[in-house]
């Protein structure tokens, strides 16, 4: 977990910006609800459902990396930031 609240907000913002840029949808509510839950599969399923419901189609490999970052409140790996 990130100690500084400012850093944590920055990580959340980076995830939100990545998802918006990659899929053209805003799913920040799902990111916030899933943030730090330590449940990668649940985070993946929630993010995928939100992207699909918004008319987008997720790249599975990318979304697993993002879901792991969300679940463990960590930076998005460089591979996901294409």
PDB file of N, CA and C in Angstrom:
ATOM      1  N   UNK A   1       0.843  -1.173   0.000  1.00  0.00           N
ATOM      2  CA  UNK A   1       0.000   0.000   0.000  1.00  0.00           C
ATOM      3  C   UNK A   1       0.893   1.243   0.000  1.00  0.00           C
ATOM      4  N   UNK A   2       0.445   2.278  -0.637  1.00  0.00           N
ATOM      5  CA  UNK A   2       1.196   3.516  -0.699  1.00  0.00           C
ATOM      6  C   UNK A   2       0.938   4.306   0.583  1.00  0.00           C
ATOM      7  N   UNK A   3       2.007   4.837   1.197  1.00  0.00           N
ATOM      8  CA  UNK A   3       1.871   5.541   2.463  1.00  0.00           C
ATOM      9  C   UNK A   3       1.270   6.936   2.300  1.00  0.00           C
ATOM     10  N   UNK A   4       1.706   7.658   1.321  1.00  0.00           N
ATOM     11  CA  UNK A   4       1.282   9.039   1.156  1.00  0.00           C
ATOM     12  C   UNK A   4      -0.013   9.115   0.353  1.00  0.00           C
ATOM     13  N   UNK A   5      -1.023   9.776   0.918  1.00  0.00           N
ATOM     14  CA  UNK A   5      -2.326   9.879   0.254  1.00  0.00           C
ATOM     15  C   UNK A   5      -2.215  10.562  -1.107  1.00  0.00           C
ATOM     16  N   UNK A   6      -1.305  11.521  -1.231  1.00  0.00           N
ATOM     17  CA  UNK A   6      -1.103  12.194  -2.510  1.00  0.00           C
ATOM     18  C   UNK A   6      -0.589  11.244  -3.567  1.00  0.00           C
ATOM     19  N   UNK A   7       0.337  10.385  -3.174  1.00  0.00           N
ATOM     20  CA  UNK A   7       0.857   9.389  -4.111  1.00  0.00           C
ATOM     21  C   UNK A   7      -0.237   8.406  -4.511  1.00  0.00           C
ATOM     22  N   UNK A   8      -1.054   8.024  -3.558  1.00  0.00           N
ATOM     23  CA  UNK A   8      -2.132   7.090  -3.852  1.00  0.00           C
ATOM     24  C   UNK A   8      -3.133   7.709  -4.826  1.00  0.00           C
ATOM     25  N   UNK A   9      -3.472   8.959  -4.620  1.00  0.00           N
ATOM     26  CA  UNK A   9      -4.375   9.647  -5.564  1.00  0.00           C
ATOM     27  C   UNK A   9      -3.751   9.698  -6.951  1.00  0.00           C
ATOM     28  N   UNK A  10      -2.445   9.898  -7.001  1.00  0.00           N
ATOM     29  CA  UNK A  10      -1.754   9.922  -8.289  1.00  0.00           C
ATOM     30  C   UNK A  10      -1.797   8.573  -8.992  1.00  0.00           C
ATOM     31  N   UNK A  11      -1.653   7.500  -8.213  1.00  0.00           N
ATOM     32  CA  UNK A  11      -1.738   6.156  -8.791  1.00  0.00           C
ATOM     33  C   UNK A  11      -3.141   5.886  -9.326  1.00  0.00           C
ATOM     34  N   UNK A  12      -4.139   6.264  -8.555  1.00  0.00           N
ATOM     35  CA  UNK A  12      -5.526   6.077  -8.994  1.00  0.00           C
ATOM     36  C   UNK A  12      -5.792   6.890 -10.258  1.00  0.00           C
ATOM     37  N   UNK A  13      -5.320   8.123 -10.281  1.00  0.00           N
ATOM     38  CA  UNK A  13      -5.494   8.972 -11.460  1.00  0.00           C
ATOM     39  C   UNK A  13      -4.814   8.356 -12.682  1.00  0.00           C
ATOM     40  N   UNK A  14      -3.624   7.792 -12.497  1.00  0.00           N
ATOM     41  CA  UNK A  14      -2.909   7.166 -13.610  1.00  0.00           C
ATOM     42  C   UNK A  14      -3.698   5.980 -14.170  1.00  0.00           C
ATOM     43  N   UNK A  15      -4.294   5.192 -13.291  1.00  0.00           N
ATOM     44  CA  UNK A  15      -5.120   4.063 -13.741  1.00  0.00           C
ATOM     45  C   UNK A  15      -6.326   4.583 -14.513  1.00  0.00           C
ATOM     46  N   UNK A  16      -7.015   5.571 -13.954  1.00  0.00           N
ATOM     47  CA  UNK A  16      -8.187   6.148 -14.622  1.00  0.00           C
ATOM     48  C   UNK A  16      -7.821   6.692 -16.003  1.00  0.00           C
ATOM     49  N   UNK A  17      -6.717   7.424 -16.074  1.00  0.00           N
ATOM     50  CA  UNK A  17      -6.285   8.000 -17.352  1.00  0.00           C
ATOM     51  C   UNK A  17      -5.926   6.916 -18.359  1.00  0.00           C
ATOM     52  N   UNK A  18      -5.267   5.861 -17.888  1.00  0.00           N
ATOM     53  CA  UNK A  18      -4.915   4.755 -18.781  1.00  0.00           C
ATOM     54  C   UNK A  18      -6.170   4.101 -19.352  1.00  0.00           C
ATOM     55  N   UNK A  19      -7.120   3.788 -18.484  1.00  0.00           N
ATOM     56  CA  UNK A  19      -8.343   3.124 -18.942  1.00  0.00           C
ATOM     57  C   UNK A  19      -9.134   4.011 -19.902  1.00  0.00           C
ATOM     58  N   UNK A  20      -9.176   5.307 -19.634  1.00  0.00           N
ATOM     59  CA  UNK A  20      -9.878   6.229 -20.526  1.00  0.00           C
ATOM     60  C   UNK A  20      -9.181   6.301 -21.878  1.00  0.00           C
ATOM     61  N   UNK A  21      -7.860   6.386 -21.864  1.00  0.00           N
ATOM     62  CA  UNK A  21      -7.107   6.468 -23.120  1.00  0.00           C
ATOM     63  C   UNK A  21      -7.177   5.159 -23.908  1.00  0.00           C
ATOM     64  N   UNK A  22      -7.072   4.044 -23.211  1.00  0.00           N
ATOM     65  CA  UNK A  22      -7.029   2.744 -23.892  1.00  0.00           C
ATOM     66  C   UNK A  22      -8.389   2.287 -24.404  1.00  0.00           C
ATOM     67  N   UNK A  23      -9.443   2.608 -23.668  1.00  0.00           N
ATOM     68  CA  UNK A  23     -10.762   2.051 -24.000  1.00  0.00           C
ATOM     69  C   UNK A  23     -11.832   3.095 -24.260  1.00  0.00           C
ATOM     70  N   UNK A  24     -11.511   4.356 -24.078  1.00  0.00           N
ATOM     71  CA  UNK A  24     -12.468   5.415 -24.354  1.00  0.00           C
ATOM     72  C   UNK A  24     -13.654   5.459 -23.408  1.00  0.00           C
ATOM     73  N   UNK A  25     -13.465   4.911 -22.220  1.00  0.00           N
ATOM     74  CA  UNK A  25     -14.549   4.910 -21.235  1.00  0.00           C
ATOM     75  C   UNK A  25     -14.015   5.429 -19.900  1.00  0.00           C
ATOM     76  N   UNK A  26     -14.921   5.909 -19.072  1.00  0.00           N
ATOM     77  CA  UNK A  26     -14.570   6.372 -17.738  1.00  0.00           C
ATOM     78  C   UNK A  26     -15.169   5.388 -16.741  1.00  0.00           C
ATOM     79  N   UNK A  27     -14.307   4.727 -15.997  1.00  0.00           N
ATOM     80  CA  UNK A  27     -14.754   3.729 -15.018  1.00  0.00           C
ATOM     81  C   UNK A  27     -14.124   4.001 -13.652  1.00  0.00           C
ATOM     82  N   UNK A  28     -13.934   5.289 -13.347  1.00  0.00           N
ATOM     83  CA  UNK A  28     -13.243   5.643 -12.105  1.00  0.00           C
ATOM     84  C   UNK A  28     -13.965   5.145 -10.857  1.00  0.00           C
ATOM     85  N   UNK A  29     -15.288   5.008 -10.904  1.00  0.00           N
ATOM     86  CA  UNK A  29     -16.010   4.491  -9.745  1.00  0.00           C
ATOM     87  C   UNK A  29     -15.626   3.049  -9.449  1.00  0.00           C
ATOM     88  N   UNK A  30     -15.414   2.256 -10.491  1.00  0.00           N
ATOM     89  CA  UNK A  30     -14.998   0.855 -10.314  1.00  0.00           C
ATOM     90  C   UNK A  30     -13.578   0.799  -9.766  1.00  0.00           C
ATOM     91  N   UNK A  31     -12.708   1.654 -10.272  1.00  0.00           N
ATOM     92  CA  UNK A  31     -11.330   1.709  -9.783  1.00  0.00           C
ATOM     93  C   UNK A  31     -11.323   2.044  -8.298  1.00  0.00           C
ATOM     94  N   UNK A  32     -12.090   3.040  -7.912  1.00  0.00           N
ATOM     95  CA  UNK A  32     -12.126   3.437  -6.501  1.00  0.00           C
ATOM     96  C   UNK A  32     -12.690   2.334  -5.610  1.00  0.00           C
ATOM     97  N   UNK A  33     -13.749   1.661  -6.062  1.00  0.00           N
ATOM     98  CA  UNK A  33     -14.342   0.584  -5.253  1.00  0.00           C
ATOM     99  C   UNK A  33     -13.396  -0.606  -5.113  1.00  0.00           C
ATOM    100  N   UNK A  34     -12.607  -0.866  -6.136  1.00  0.00           N
ATOM    101  CA  UNK A  34     -11.721  -2.035  -6.142  1.00  0.00           C
ATOM    102  C   UNK A  34     -10.338  -1.750  -5.584  1.00  0.00           C
ATOM    103  N   UNK A  35     -10.001  -0.482  -5.421  1.00  0.00           N
ATOM    104  CA  UNK A  35      -8.640  -0.081  -5.060  1.00  0.00           C
ATOM    105  C   UNK A  35      -8.186  -0.747  -3.767  1.00  0.00           C
ATOM    106  N   UNK A  36      -7.101  -1.509  -3.862  1.00  0.00           N
ATOM    107  CA  UNK A  36      -6.481  -2.114  -2.694  1.00  0.00           C
ATOM    108  C   UNK A  36      -7.232  -3.298  -2.110  1.00  0.00           C
ATOM    109  N   UNK A  37      -8.145  -3.899  -2.860  1.00  0.00           N
ATOM    110  CA  UNK A  37      -8.942  -5.012  -2.325  1.00  0.00           C
ATOM    111  C   UNK A  37      -8.192  -6.341  -2.288  1.00  0.00           C
ATOM    112  N   UNK A  38      -7.023  -6.396  -2.899  1.00  0.00           N
ATOM    113  CA  UNK A  38      -6.170  -7.591  -2.953  1.00  0.00           C
ATOM    114  C   UNK A  38      -6.863  -8.785  -3.615  1.00  0.00           C
ATOM    115  N   UNK A  39      -7.826  -8.501  -4.477  1.00  0.00           N
ATOM    116  CA  UNK A  39      -8.554  -9.540  -5.203  1.00  0.00           C
ATOM    117  C   UNK A  39      -8.459  -9.246  -6.703  1.00  0.00           C
ATOM    118  N   UNK A  40      -7.417  -9.766  -7.325  1.00  0.00           N
ATOM    119  CA  UNK A  40      -7.133  -9.456  -8.724  1.00  0.00           C
ATOM    120  C   UNK A  40      -8.271  -9.905  -9.630  1.00  0.00           C
ATOM    121  N   UNK A  41      -8.756 -11.122  -9.448  1.00  0.00           N
ATOM    122  CA  UNK A  41      -9.805 -11.622 -10.334  1.00  0.00           C
ATOM    123  C   UNK A  41     -11.079 -10.781 -10.216  1.00  0.00           C
ATOM    124  N   UNK A  42     -11.464 -10.427  -9.010  1.00  0.00           N
ATOM    125  CA  UNK A  42     -12.651  -9.586  -8.822  1.00  0.00           C
ATOM    126  C   UNK A  42     -12.450  -8.223  -9.482  1.00  0.00           C
ATOM    127  N   UNK A  43     -11.277  -7.634  -9.291  1.00  0.00           N
ATOM    128  CA  UNK A  43     -10.988  -6.342  -9.921  1.00  0.00           C
ATOM    129  C   UNK A  43     -11.079  -6.451 -11.434  1.00  0.00           C
ATOM    130  N   UNK A  44     -10.521  -7.519 -11.993  1.00  0.00           N
ATOM    131  CA  UNK A  44     -10.573  -7.742 -13.434  1.00  0.00           C
ATOM    132  C   UNK A  44     -12.017  -7.847 -13.911  1.00  0.00           C
ATOM    133  N   UNK A  45     -12.801  -8.670 -13.229  1.00  0.00           N
ATOM    134  CA  UNK A  45     -14.193  -8.874 -13.643  1.00  0.00           C
ATOM    135  C   UNK A  45     -15.002  -7.578 -13.569  1.00  0.00           C
ATOM    136  N   UNK A  46     -14.807  -6.807 -12.501  1.00  0.00           N
ATOM    137  CA  UNK A  46     -15.531  -5.543 -12.365  1.00  0.00           C
ATOM    138  C   UNK A  46     -15.115  -4.535 -13.442  1.00  0.00           C
ATOM    139  N   UNK A  47     -13.820  -4.431 -13.689  1.00  0.00           N
ATOM    140  CA  UNK A  47     -13.342  -3.505 -14.720  1.00  0.00           C
ATOM    141  C   UNK A  47     -13.823  -3.935 -16.103  1.00  0.00           C
ATOM    142  N   UNK A  48     -13.728  -5.213 -16.397  1.00  0.00           N
ATOM    143  CA  UNK A  48     -14.154  -5.727 -17.697  1.00  0.00           C
ATOM    144  C   UNK A  48     -15.647  -5.488 -17.908  1.00  0.00           C
ATOM    145  N   UNK A  49     -16.446  -5.752 -16.881  1.00  0.00           N
ATOM    146  CA  UNK A  49     -17.894  -5.536 -16.985  1.00  0.00           C
ATOM    147  C   UNK A  49     -18.215  -4.060 -17.218  1.00  0.00           C
ATOM    148  N   UNK A  50     -17.523  -3.186 -16.512  1.00  0.00           N
ATOM    149  CA  UNK A  50     -17.766  -1.749 -16.665  1.00  0.00           C
ATOM    150  C   UNK A  50     -17.372  -1.269 -18.056  1.00  0.00           C
ATOM    151  N   UNK A  51     -16.253  -1.750 -18.556  1.00  0.00           N
ATOM    152  CA  UNK A  51     -15.806  -1.373 -19.906  1.00  0.00           C
ATOM    153  C   UNK A  51     -16.800  -1.886 -20.939  1.00  0.00           C
ATOM    154  N   UNK A  52     -17.224  -3.133 -20.797  1.00  0.00           N
ATOM    155  CA  UNK A  52     -18.198  -3.721 -21.728  1.00  0.00           C
ATOM    156  C   UNK A  52     -19.529  -2.973 -21.683  1.00  0.00           C
ATOM    157  N   UNK A  53     -19.990  -2.649 -20.482  1.00  0.00           N
ATOM    158  CA  UNK A  53     -21.263  -1.939 -20.332  1.00  0.00           C
ATOM    159  C   UNK A  53     -21.218  -0.544 -20.954  1.00  0.00           C
ATOM    160  N   UNK A  54     -20.012   0.007 -21.040  1.00  0.00           N
ATOM    161  CA  UNK A  54     -19.844   1.331 -21.639  1.00  0.00           C
ATOM    162  C   UNK A  54     -19.593   1.260 -23.135  1.00  0.00           C
ATOM    163  N   UNK A  55     -19.656   0.064 -23.690  1.00  0.00           N
ATOM    164  CA  UNK A  55     -19.488  -0.102 -25.128  1.00  0.00           C
ATOM    165  C   UNK A  55     -18.073  -0.373 -25.571  1.00  0.00           C
ATOM    166  N   UNK A  56     -17.161  -0.550 -24.645  1.00  0.00           N
ATOM    167  CA  UNK A  56     -15.770  -0.825 -24.998  1.00  0.00           C
ATOM    168  C   UNK A  56     -15.474  -2.304 -24.997  1.00  0.00           C
ATOM    169  N   UNK A  57     -14.321  -2.639 -25.513  1.00  0.00           N
ATOM    170  CA  UNK A  57     -13.862  -4.027 -25.500  1.00  0.00           C
ATOM    171  C   UNK A  57     -12.441  -4.038 -24.949  1.00  0.00           C
ATOM    172  N   UNK A  58     -12.251  -4.734 -23.838  1.00  0.00           N
ATOM    173  CA  UNK A  58     -10.959  -4.729 -23.156  1.00  0.00           C
ATOM    174  C   UNK A  58      -9.976  -5.696 -23.793  1.00  0.00           C
ATOM    175  N   UNK A  59      -8.710  -5.314 -23.775  1.00  0.00           N
ATOM    176  CA  UNK A  59      -7.615  -6.197 -24.134  1.00  0.00           C
ATOM    177  C   UNK A  59      -7.305  -7.013 -22.883  1.00  0.00           C
ATOM    178  N   UNK A  60      -7.476  -8.315 -22.965  1.00  0.00           N
ATOM    179  CA  UNK A  60      -7.379  -9.168 -21.777  1.00  0.00           C
ATOM    180  C   UNK A  60      -6.040  -9.041 -21.054  1.00  0.00           C
ATOM    181  N   UNK A  61      -4.944  -9.105 -21.790  1.00  0.00           N
ATOM    182  CA  UNK A  61      -3.618  -9.039 -21.161  1.00  0.00           C
ATOM    183  C   UNK A  61      -3.411  -7.699 -20.456  1.00  0.00           C
ATOM    184  N   UNK A  62      -3.807  -6.623 -21.121  1.00  0.00           N
ATOM    185  CA  UNK A  62      -3.682  -5.293 -20.531  1.00  0.00           C
ATOM    186  C   UNK A  62      -4.535  -5.179 -19.276  1.00  0.00           C
ATOM    187  N   UNK A  63      -5.765  -5.644 -19.358  1.00  0.00           N
ATOM    188  CA  UNK A  63      -6.673  -5.475 -18.230  1.00  0.00           C
ATOM    189  C   UNK A  63      -6.242  -6.292 -17.017  1.00  0.00           C
ATOM    190  N   UNK A  64      -5.629  -7.466 -17.227  1.00  0.00           N
ATOM    191  CA  UNK A  64      -5.114  -8.235 -16.079  1.00  0.00           C
ATOM    192  C   UNK A  64      -4.012  -7.459 -15.363  1.00  0.00           C
ATOM    193  N   UNK A  65      -3.141  -6.796 -16.128  1.00  0.00           N
ATOM    194  CA  UNK A  65      -2.078  -5.988 -15.507  1.00  0.00           C
ATOM    195  C   UNK A  65      -2.668  -4.821 -14.720  1.00  0.00           C
ATOM    196  N   UNK A  66      -3.670  -4.181 -15.302  1.00  0.00           N
ATOM    197  CA  UNK A  66      -4.320  -3.058 -14.624  1.00  0.00           C
ATOM    198  C   UNK A  66      -5.057  -3.550 -13.380  1.00  0.00           C
ATOM    199  N   UNK A  67      -5.757  -4.671 -13.494  1.00  0.00           N
ATOM    200  CA  UNK A  67      -6.501  -5.219 -12.352  1.00  0.00           C
ATOM    201  C   UNK A  67      -5.564  -5.555 -11.199  1.00  0.00           C
ATOM    202  N   UNK A  68      -4.396  -6.077 -11.512  1.00  0.00           N
ATOM    203  CA  UNK A  68      -3.422  -6.385 -10.456  1.00  0.00           C
ATOM    204  C   UNK A  68      -2.955  -5.098  -9.774  1.00  0.00           C
ATOM    205  N   UNK A  69      -2.704  -4.068 -10.567  1.00  0.00           N
ATOM    206  CA  UNK A  69      -2.294  -2.783  -9.992  1.00  0.00           C
ATOM    207  C   UNK A  69      -3.398  -2.223  -9.097  1.00  0.00           C
ATOM    208  N   UNK A  70      -4.628  -2.308  -9.553  1.00  0.00           N
ATOM    209  CA  UNK A  70      -5.762  -1.811  -8.764  1.00  0.00           C
ATOM    210  C   UNK A  70      -5.901  -2.613  -7.472  1.00  0.00           C
ATOM    211  N   UNK A  71      -5.854  -3.926  -7.580  1.00  0.00           N
ATOM    212  CA  UNK A  71      -6.061  -4.791  -6.414  1.00  0.00           C
ATOM    213  C   UNK A  71      -5.015  -4.573  -5.335  1.00  0.00           C
ATOM    214  N   UNK A  72      -3.788  -4.268  -5.746  1.00  0.00           N
ATOM    215  CA  UNK A  72      -2.717  -4.108  -4.765  1.00  0.00           C
ATOM    216  C   UNK A  72      -2.259  -2.655  -4.611  1.00  0.00           C
ATOM    217  N   UNK A  73      -3.096  -1.716  -5.090  1.00  0.00           N
ATOM    218  CA  UNK A  73      -2.798  -0.292  -4.957  1.00  0.00           C
ATOM    219  C   UNK A  73      -1.367   0.017  -5.379  1.00  0.00           C
ATOM    220  N   UNK A  74      -1.040  -0.401  -6.585  1.00  0.00           N
ATOM    221  CA  UNK A  74       0.327  -0.287  -7.099  1.00  0.00           C
ATOM    222  C   UNK A  74       0.329   0.450  -8.438  1.00  0.00           C
ATOM    223  N   UNK A  75       1.498   0.906  -8.858  1.00  0.00           N
ATOM    224  CA  UNK A  75       1.577   1.544 -10.186  1.00  0.00           C
ATOM    225  C   UNK A  75       1.246   0.550 -11.301  1.00  0.00           C
ATOM    226  N   UNK A  76       0.733   1.046 -12.381  1.00  0.00           N
ATOM    227  CA  UNK A  76       0.475   0.205 -13.552  1.00  0.00           C
ATOM    228  C   UNK A  76       1.830  -0.180 -14.140  1.00  0.00           C
ATOM    229  N   UNK A  77       2.037  -1.466 -14.444  1.00  0.00           N
ATOM    230  CA  UNK A  77       3.298  -1.872 -15.084  1.00  0.00           C
ATOM    231  C   UNK A  77       3.491  -1.173 -16.433  1.00  0.00           C
ATOM    232  N   UNK A  78       4.714  -0.959 -16.803  1.00  0.00           N
ATOM    233  CA  UNK A  78       5.021  -0.278 -18.063  1.00  0.00           C
ATOM    234  C   UNK A  78       4.390  -0.984 -19.258  1.00  0.00           C
ATOM    235  N   UNK A  79       4.296  -2.310 -19.221  1.00  0.00           N
ATOM    236  CA  UNK A  79       3.708  -3.057 -20.337  1.00  0.00           C
ATOM    237  C   UNK A  79       2.266  -2.654 -20.586  1.00  0.00           C
ATOM    238  N   UNK A  80       1.547  -2.260 -19.552  1.00  0.00           N
ATOM    239  CA  UNK A  80       0.148  -1.871 -19.715  1.00  0.00           C
ATOM    240  C   UNK A  80       0.011  -0.447 -20.211  1.00  0.00           C
ATOM    241  N   UNK A  81       1.055   0.358 -20.065  1.00  0.00           N
ATOM    242  CA  UNK A  81       0.974   1.768 -20.444  1.00  0.00           C
ATOM    243  C   UNK A  81       1.321   2.026 -21.894  1.00  0.00           C
ATOM    244  N   UNK A  82       1.528   1.002 -22.660  1.00  0.00           N
ATOM    245  CA  UNK A  82       1.871   1.075 -24.085  1.00  0.00           C
ATOM    246  C   UNK A  82       2.057   2.469 -24.568  1.00  0.00           C
TER     247      UNK A  82
END
